[in-house]
Amino acid sequence: MNSPAEIAHAGGAYVRRPFTLGPRTVANGDVLSAAQVRALPKGNLRALITLGKIDLFPNTPDSLPSP
């Protein structure tokens, strides 16, 4: 599981399995911004990571890492 430090420094997340985020359904292949990841309640974020619904990627000055 991702550590709190990894979560705090996430540049965003790739969606691997669809889920509902507020009023919309997030589809496989969508990308969540760092702000969207930080806005998720910690328990929900950990569940999404544990269930394999999202994969975090690091916050880097480079472009997004390839999926």
PDB file of N, CA and C in Angstrom:
ATOM      1  N   MET A   1       0.850  -1.179   0.000  1.00  0.00           N
ATOM      2  CA  MET A   1       0.000   0.000   0.000  1.00  0.00           C
ATOM      3  C   MET A   1       0.892   1.238   0.000  1.00  0.00           C
ATOM      4  N   ASN A   2       0.382   2.302  -0.556  1.00  0.00           N
ATOM      5  CA  ASN A   2       1.137   3.542  -0.608  1.00  0.00           C
ATOM      6  C   ASN A   2       1.215   4.184   0.773  1.00  0.00           C
ATOM      7  N   SER A   3       2.395   4.692   1.083  1.00  0.00           N
ATOM      8  CA  SER A   3       2.600   5.337   2.379  1.00  0.00           C
ATOM      9  C   SER A   3       1.965   6.730   2.368  1.00  0.00           C
ATOM     10  N   PRO A   4       1.725   7.295   3.546  1.00  0.00           N
ATOM     11  CA  PRO A   4       1.188   8.654   3.600  1.00  0.00           C
ATOM     12  C   PRO A   4       2.065   9.661   2.853  1.00  0.00           C
ATOM     13  N   ALA A   5       3.389   9.468   2.882  1.00  0.00           N
ATOM     14  CA  ALA A   5       4.289  10.374   2.172  1.00  0.00           C
ATOM     15  C   ALA A   5       4.091  10.262   0.662  1.00  0.00           C
ATOM     16  N   GLU A   6       3.932   9.035   0.154  1.00  0.00           N
ATOM     17  CA  GLU A   6       3.693   8.845  -1.274  1.00  0.00           C
ATOM     18  C   GLU A   6       2.369   9.488  -1.691  1.00  0.00           C
ATOM     19  N   ILE A   7       1.367   9.328  -0.856  1.00  0.00           N
ATOM     20  CA  ILE A   7       0.060   9.920  -1.152  1.00  0.00           C
ATOM     21  C   ILE A   7       0.166  11.440  -1.149  1.00  0.00           C
ATOM     22  N   ALA A   8       0.876  12.001  -0.169  1.00  0.00           N
ATOM     23  CA  ALA A   8       1.003  13.456  -0.063  1.00  0.00           C
ATOM     24  C   ALA A   8       1.749  14.057  -1.247  1.00  0.00           C
ATOM     25  N   HIS A   9       2.662  13.294  -1.846  1.00  0.00           N
ATOM     26  CA  HIS A   9       3.459  13.802  -2.960  1.00  0.00           C
ATOM     27  C   HIS A   9       2.997  13.279  -4.316  1.00  0.00           C
ATOM     28  N   ALA A  10       1.806  12.725  -4.370  1.00  0.00           N
ATOM     29  CA  ALA A  10       1.287  12.202  -5.634  1.00  0.00           C
ATOM     30  C   ALA A  10       1.028  13.339  -6.610  1.00  0.00           C
ATOM     31  N   GLY A  11       1.406  13.121  -7.856  1.00  0.00           N
ATOM     32  CA  GLY A  11       1.132  14.092  -8.908  1.00  0.00           C
ATOM     33  C   GLY A  11      -0.238  13.889  -9.512  1.00  0.00           C
ATOM     34  N   GLY A  12      -0.870  12.783  -9.156  1.00  0.00           N
ATOM     35  CA  GLY A  12      -2.184  12.429  -9.661  1.00  0.00           C
ATOM     36  C   GLY A  12      -2.345  10.927  -9.623  1.00  0.00           C
ATOM     37  N   ALA A  13      -3.351  10.442 -10.342  1.00  0.00           N
ATOM     38  CA  ALA A  13      -3.600   8.996 -10.345  1.00  0.00           C
ATOM     39  C   ALA A  13      -4.220   8.577 -11.667  1.00  0.00           C
ATOM     40  N   TYR A  14      -3.835   7.398 -12.122  1.00  0.00           N
ATOM     41  CA  TYR A  14      -4.474   6.771 -13.268  1.00  0.00           C
ATOM     42  C   TYR A  14      -5.646   5.945 -12.766  1.00  0.00           C
ATOM     43  N   VAL A  15      -6.761   6.016 -13.440  1.00  0.00           N
ATOM     44  CA  VAL A  15      -7.914   5.203 -13.092  1.00  0.00           C
ATOM     45  C   VAL A  15      -7.765   3.868 -13.809  1.00  0.00           C
ATOM     46  N   ARG A  16      -7.789   2.781 -13.050  1.00  0.00           N
ATOM     47  CA  ARG A  16      -7.643   1.429 -13.606  1.00  0.00           C
ATOM     48  C   ARG A  16      -8.971   0.678 -13.677  1.00  0.00           C
ATOM     49  N   ARG A  17      -9.907   1.055 -12.801  1.00  0.00           N
ATOM     50  CA  ARG A  17     -11.239   0.440 -12.794  1.00  0.00           C
ATOM     51  C   ARG A  17     -12.252   1.542 -12.525  1.00  0.00           C
ATOM     52  N   PRO A  18     -13.393   1.540 -13.207  1.00  0.00           N
ATOM     53  CA  PRO A  18     -14.380   2.612 -13.034  1.00  0.00           C
ATOM     54  C   PRO A  18     -14.921   2.688 -11.607  1.00  0.00           C
ATOM     55  N   PHE A  19     -15.237   3.919 -11.196  1.00  0.00           N
ATOM     56  CA  PHE A  19     -15.884   4.159  -9.905  1.00  0.00           C
ATOM     57  C   PHE A  19     -16.590   5.505  -9.976  1.00  0.00           C
ATOM     58  N   THR A  20     -17.454   5.754  -9.002  1.00  0.00           N
ATOM     59  CA  THR A  20     -18.195   7.007  -8.957  1.00  0.00           C
ATOM     60  C   THR A  20     -17.430   8.008  -8.103  1.00  0.00           C
ATOM     61  N   LEU A  21     -17.265   9.201  -8.635  1.00  0.00           N
ATOM     62  CA  LEU A  21     -16.586  10.281  -7.926  1.00  0.00           C
ATOM     63  C   LEU A  21     -17.542  11.466  -7.920  1.00  0.00           C
ATOM     64  N   GLY A  22     -18.237  11.627  -6.804  1.00  0.00           N
ATOM     65  CA  GLY A  22     -19.264  12.670  -6.737  1.00  0.00           C
ATOM     66  C   GLY A  22     -20.394  12.331  -7.698  1.00  0.00           C
ATOM     67  N   PRO A  23     -20.767  13.277  -8.546  1.00  0.00           N
ATOM     68  CA  PRO A  23     -21.897  13.046  -9.459  1.00  0.00           C
ATOM     69  C   PRO A  23     -21.523  12.326 -10.756  1.00  0.00           C
ATOM     70  N   ARG A  24     -20.251  12.040 -10.968  1.00  0.00           N
ATOM     71  CA  ARG A  24     -19.847  11.427 -12.244  1.00  0.00           C
ATOM     72  C   ARG A  24     -19.154  10.086 -12.050  1.00  0.00           C
ATOM     73  N   THR A  25     -19.188   9.297 -13.103  1.00  0.00           N
ATOM     74  CA  THR A  25     -18.470   8.027 -13.121  1.00  0.00           C
ATOM     75  C   THR A  25     -17.126   8.253 -13.790  1.00  0.00           C
ATOM     76  N   VAL A  26     -16.076   7.852 -13.108  1.00  0.00           N
ATOM     77  CA  VAL A  26     -14.724   7.976 -13.636  1.00  0.00           C
ATOM     78  C   VAL A  26     -14.419   6.672 -14.376  1.00  0.00           C
ATOM     79  N   ALA A  27     -13.962   6.791 -15.610  1.00  0.00           N
ATOM     80  CA  ALA A  27     -13.756   5.625 -16.462  1.00  0.00           C
ATOM     81  C   ALA A  27     -12.304   5.149 -16.426  1.00  0.00           C
ATOM     82  N   ASN A  28     -12.113   3.891 -16.778  1.00  0.00           N
ATOM     83  CA  ASN A  28     -10.782   3.320 -16.926  1.00  0.00           C
ATOM     84  C   ASN A  28     -10.006   4.172 -17.927  1.00  0.00           C
ATOM     85  N   GLY A  29      -8.784   4.534 -17.574  1.00  0.00           N
ATOM     86  CA  GLY A  29      -7.951   5.341 -18.455  1.00  0.00           C
ATOM     87  C   GLY A  29      -7.993   6.828 -18.150  1.00  0.00           C
ATOM     88  N   ASP A  30      -8.977   7.273 -17.354  1.00  0.00           N
ATOM     89  CA  ASP A  30      -9.012   8.679 -16.959  1.00  0.00           C
ATOM     90  C   ASP A  30      -7.828   8.971 -16.034  1.00  0.00           C
ATOM     91  N   VAL A  31      -7.484  10.236 -15.925  1.00  0.00           N
ATOM     92  CA  VAL A  31      -6.404  10.662 -15.034  1.00  0.00           C
ATOM     93  C   VAL A  31      -6.979  11.652 -14.035  1.00  0.00           C
ATOM     94  N   LEU A  32      -6.716  11.410 -12.753  1.00  0.00           N
ATOM     95  CA  LEU A  32      -7.113  12.336 -11.700  1.00  0.00           C
ATOM     96  C   LEU A  32      -5.940  13.264 -11.417  1.00  0.00           C
ATOM     97  N   SER A  33      -6.217  14.542 -11.252  1.00  0.00           N
ATOM     98  CA  SER A  33      -5.169  15.503 -10.938  1.00  0.00           C
ATOM     99  C   SER A  33      -4.733  15.339  -9.487  1.00  0.00           C
ATOM    100  N   ALA A  34      -3.617  15.965  -9.148  1.00  0.00           N
ATOM    101  CA  ALA A  34      -3.142  15.935  -7.766  1.00  0.00           C
ATOM    102  C   ALA A  34      -4.183  16.544  -6.837  1.00  0.00           C
ATOM    103  N   ALA A  35      -4.830  17.620  -7.285  1.00  0.00           N
ATOM    104  CA  ALA A  35      -5.858  18.267  -6.457  1.00  0.00           C
ATOM    105  C   ALA A  35      -7.041  17.334  -6.219  1.00  0.00           C
ATOM    106  N   GLN A  36      -7.438  16.582  -7.239  1.00  0.00           N
ATOM    107  CA  GLN A  36      -8.538  15.632  -7.079  1.00  0.00           C
ATOM    108  C   GLN A  36      -8.161  14.523  -6.111  1.00  0.00           C
ATOM    109  N   VAL A  37      -6.934  14.044  -6.194  1.00  0.00           N
ATOM    110  CA  VAL A  37      -6.465  12.991  -5.288  1.00  0.00           C
ATOM    111  C   VAL A  37      -6.454  13.514  -3.853  1.00  0.00           C
ATOM    112  N   ARG A  38      -5.925  14.721  -3.649  1.00  0.00           N
ATOM    113  CA  ARG A  38      -5.863  15.295  -2.295  1.00  0.00           C
ATOM    114  C   ARG A  38      -7.243  15.595  -1.725  1.00  0.00           C
ATOM    115  N   ALA A  39      -8.231  15.842  -2.596  1.00  0.00           N
ATOM    116  CA  ALA A  39      -9.588  16.161  -2.132  1.00  0.00           C
ATOM    117  C   ALA A  39     -10.355  14.930  -1.657  1.00  0.00           C
ATOM    118  N   LEU A  40      -9.899  13.743  -2.025  1.00  0.00           N
ATOM    119  CA  LEU A  40     -10.590  12.520  -1.612  1.00  0.00           C
ATOM    120  C   LEU A  40     -10.389  12.289  -0.111  1.00  0.00           C
ATOM    121  N   PRO A  41     -11.434  11.861   0.586  1.00  0.00           N
ATOM    122  CA  PRO A  41     -11.245  11.485   1.998  1.00  0.00           C
ATOM    123  C   PRO A  41     -10.193  10.374   2.098  1.00  0.00           C
ATOM    124  N   LYS A  42      -9.346  10.449   3.104  1.00  0.00           N
ATOM    125  CA  LYS A  42      -8.223   9.502   3.237  1.00  0.00           C
ATOM    126  C   LYS A  42      -8.671   8.035   3.186  1.00  0.00           C
ATOM    127  N   GLY A  43      -9.753   7.713   3.860  1.00  0.00           N
ATOM    128  CA  GLY A  43     -10.240   6.332   3.852  1.00  0.00           C
ATOM    129  C   GLY A  43     -10.665   5.882   2.462  1.00  0.00           C
ATOM    130  N   ASN A  44     -11.338   6.756   1.736  1.00  0.00           N
ATOM    131  CA  ASN A  44     -11.770   6.428   0.373  1.00  0.00           C
ATOM    132  C   ASN A  44     -10.558   6.274  -0.545  1.00  0.00           C
ATOM    133  N   LEU A  45      -9.579   7.162  -0.398  1.00  0.00           N
ATOM    134  CA  LEU A  45      -8.373   7.098  -1.215  1.00  0.00           C
ATOM    135  C   LEU A  45      -7.644   5.786  -0.989  1.00  0.00           C
ATOM    136  N   ARG A  46      -7.467   5.405   0.264  1.00  0.00           N
ATOM    137  CA  ARG A  46      -6.786   4.132   0.557  1.00  0.00           C
ATOM    138  C   ARG A  46      -7.560   2.942   0.001  1.00  0.00           C
ATOM    139  N   ALA A  47      -8.886   2.997   0.069  1.00  0.00           N
ATOM    140  CA  ALA A  47      -9.706   1.910  -0.485  1.00  0.00           C
ATOM    141  C   ALA A  47      -9.534   1.828  -1.995  1.00  0.00           C
ATOM    142  N   LEU A  48      -9.538   2.958  -2.678  1.00  0.00           N
ATOM    143  CA  LEU A  48      -9.364   2.959  -4.139  1.00  0.00           C
ATOM    144  C   LEU A  48      -8.007   2.372  -4.529  1.00  0.00           C
ATOM    145  N   ILE A  49      -6.973   2.705  -3.759  1.00  0.00           N
ATOM    146  CA  ILE A  49      -5.630   2.171  -4.022  1.00  0.00           C
ATOM    147  C   ILE A  49      -5.600   0.669  -3.744  1.00  0.00           C
ATOM    148  N   THR A  50      -6.121   0.259  -2.602  1.00  0.00           N
ATOM    149  CA  THR A  50      -6.097  -1.150  -2.197  1.00  0.00           C
ATOM    150  C   THR A  50      -6.885  -2.027  -3.163  1.00  0.00           C
ATOM    151  N   LEU A  51      -8.016  -1.532  -3.646  1.00  0.00           N
ATOM    152  CA  LEU A  51      -8.854  -2.300  -4.568  1.00  0.00           C
ATOM    153  C   LEU A  51      -8.342  -2.264  -6.008  1.00  0.00           C
ATOM    154  N   GLY A  52      -7.259  -1.532  -6.236  1.00  0.00           N
ATOM    155  CA  GLY A  52      -6.677  -1.471  -7.579  1.00  0.00           C
ATOM    156  C   GLY A  52      -7.475  -0.597  -8.537  1.00  0.00           C
ATOM    157  N   LYS A  53      -8.277   0.300  -8.005  1.00  0.00           N
ATOM    158  CA  LYS A  53      -9.073   1.171  -8.873  1.00  0.00           C
ATOM    159  C   LYS A  53      -8.253   2.350  -9.382  1.00  0.00           C
ATOM    160  N   ILE A  54      -7.239   2.769  -8.617  1.00  0.00           N
ATOM    161  CA  ILE A  54      -6.345   3.831  -9.065  1.00  0.00           C
ATOM    162  C   ILE A  54      -4.901   3.462  -8.778  1.00  0.00           C
ATOM    163  N   ASP A  55      -3.996   4.027  -9.587  1.00  0.00           N
ATOM    164  CA  ASP A  55      -2.550   3.923  -9.375  1.00  0.00           C
ATOM    165  C   ASP A  55      -2.010   5.338  -9.289  1.00  0.00           C
ATOM    166  N   LEU A  56      -1.374   5.672  -8.184  1.00  0.00           N
ATOM    167  CA  LEU A  56      -0.787   6.995  -8.036  1.00  0.00           C
ATOM    168  C   LEU A  56       0.480   7.113  -8.872  1.00  0.00           C
ATOM    169  N   PHE A  57       0.750   8.318  -9.348  1.00  0.00           N
ATOM    170  CA  PHE A  57       2.044   8.576  -9.975  1.00  0.00           C
ATOM    171  C   PHE A  57       2.668   9.777  -9.273  1.00  0.00           C
ATOM    172  N   PRO A  58       4.009   9.853  -9.266  1.00  0.00           N
ATOM    173  CA  PRO A  58       4.693  10.894  -8.502  1.00  0.00           C
ATOM    174  C   PRO A  58       4.532  12.279  -9.130  1.00  0.00           C
ATOM    175  N   ASN A  59       4.686  13.270  -8.293  1.00  0.00           N
ATOM    176  CA  ASN A  59       4.657  14.654  -8.736  1.00  0.00           C
ATOM    177  C   ASN A  59       6.063  14.989  -9.237  1.00  0.00           C
ATOM    178  N   THR A  60       6.215  15.137 -10.551  1.00  0.00           N
ATOM    179  CA  THR A  60       7.515  15.442 -11.146  1.00  0.00           C
ATOM    180  C   THR A  60       7.366  16.593 -12.118  1.00  0.00           C
ATOM    181  N   PRO A  61       8.451  17.270 -12.418  1.00  0.00           N
ATOM    182  CA  PRO A  61       8.376  18.341 -13.406  1.00  0.00           C
ATOM    183  C   PRO A  61       8.237  17.803 -14.831  1.00  0.00           C
ATOM    184  N   ASP A  62       8.499  16.504 -15.003  1.00  0.00           N
ATOM    185  CA  ASP A  62       8.357  15.876 -16.319  1.00  0.00           C
ATOM    186  C   ASP A  62       6.894  15.704 -16.666  1.00  0.00           C
ATOM    187  N   SER A  63       6.657  15.268 -17.862  1.00  0.00           N
ATOM    188  CA  SER A  63       5.289  14.971 -18.266  1.00  0.00           C
ATOM    189  C   SER A  63       4.796  13.731 -17.520  1.00  0.00           C
ATOM    190  N   LEU A  64       3.511  13.442 -17.626  1.00  0.00           N
ATOM    191  CA  LEU A  64       2.938  12.288 -16.950  1.00  0.00           C
ATOM    192  C   LEU A  64       3.648  11.018 -17.354  1.00  0.00           C
ATOM    193  N   PRO A  65       3.880  10.120 -16.416  1.00  0.00           N
ATOM    194  CA  PRO A  65       4.467   8.833 -16.776  1.00  0.00           C
ATOM    195  C   PRO A  65       3.503   8.024 -17.635  1.00  0.00           C
ATOM    196  N   SER A  66       4.048   7.156 -18.459  1.00  0.00           N
ATOM    197  CA  SER A  66       3.168   6.368 -19.323  1.00  0.00           C
ATOM    198  C   SER A  66       2.381   5.364 -18.492  1.00  0.00           C
ATOM    199  N   PRO A  67       1.111   5.132 -18.857  1.00  0.00           N
ATOM    200  CA  PRO A  67       0.255   4.203 -18.069  1.00  0.00           C
ATOM    201  C   PRO A  67       0.713   2.768 -18.115  1.00  0.00           C
TER     202      PRO A  67
END
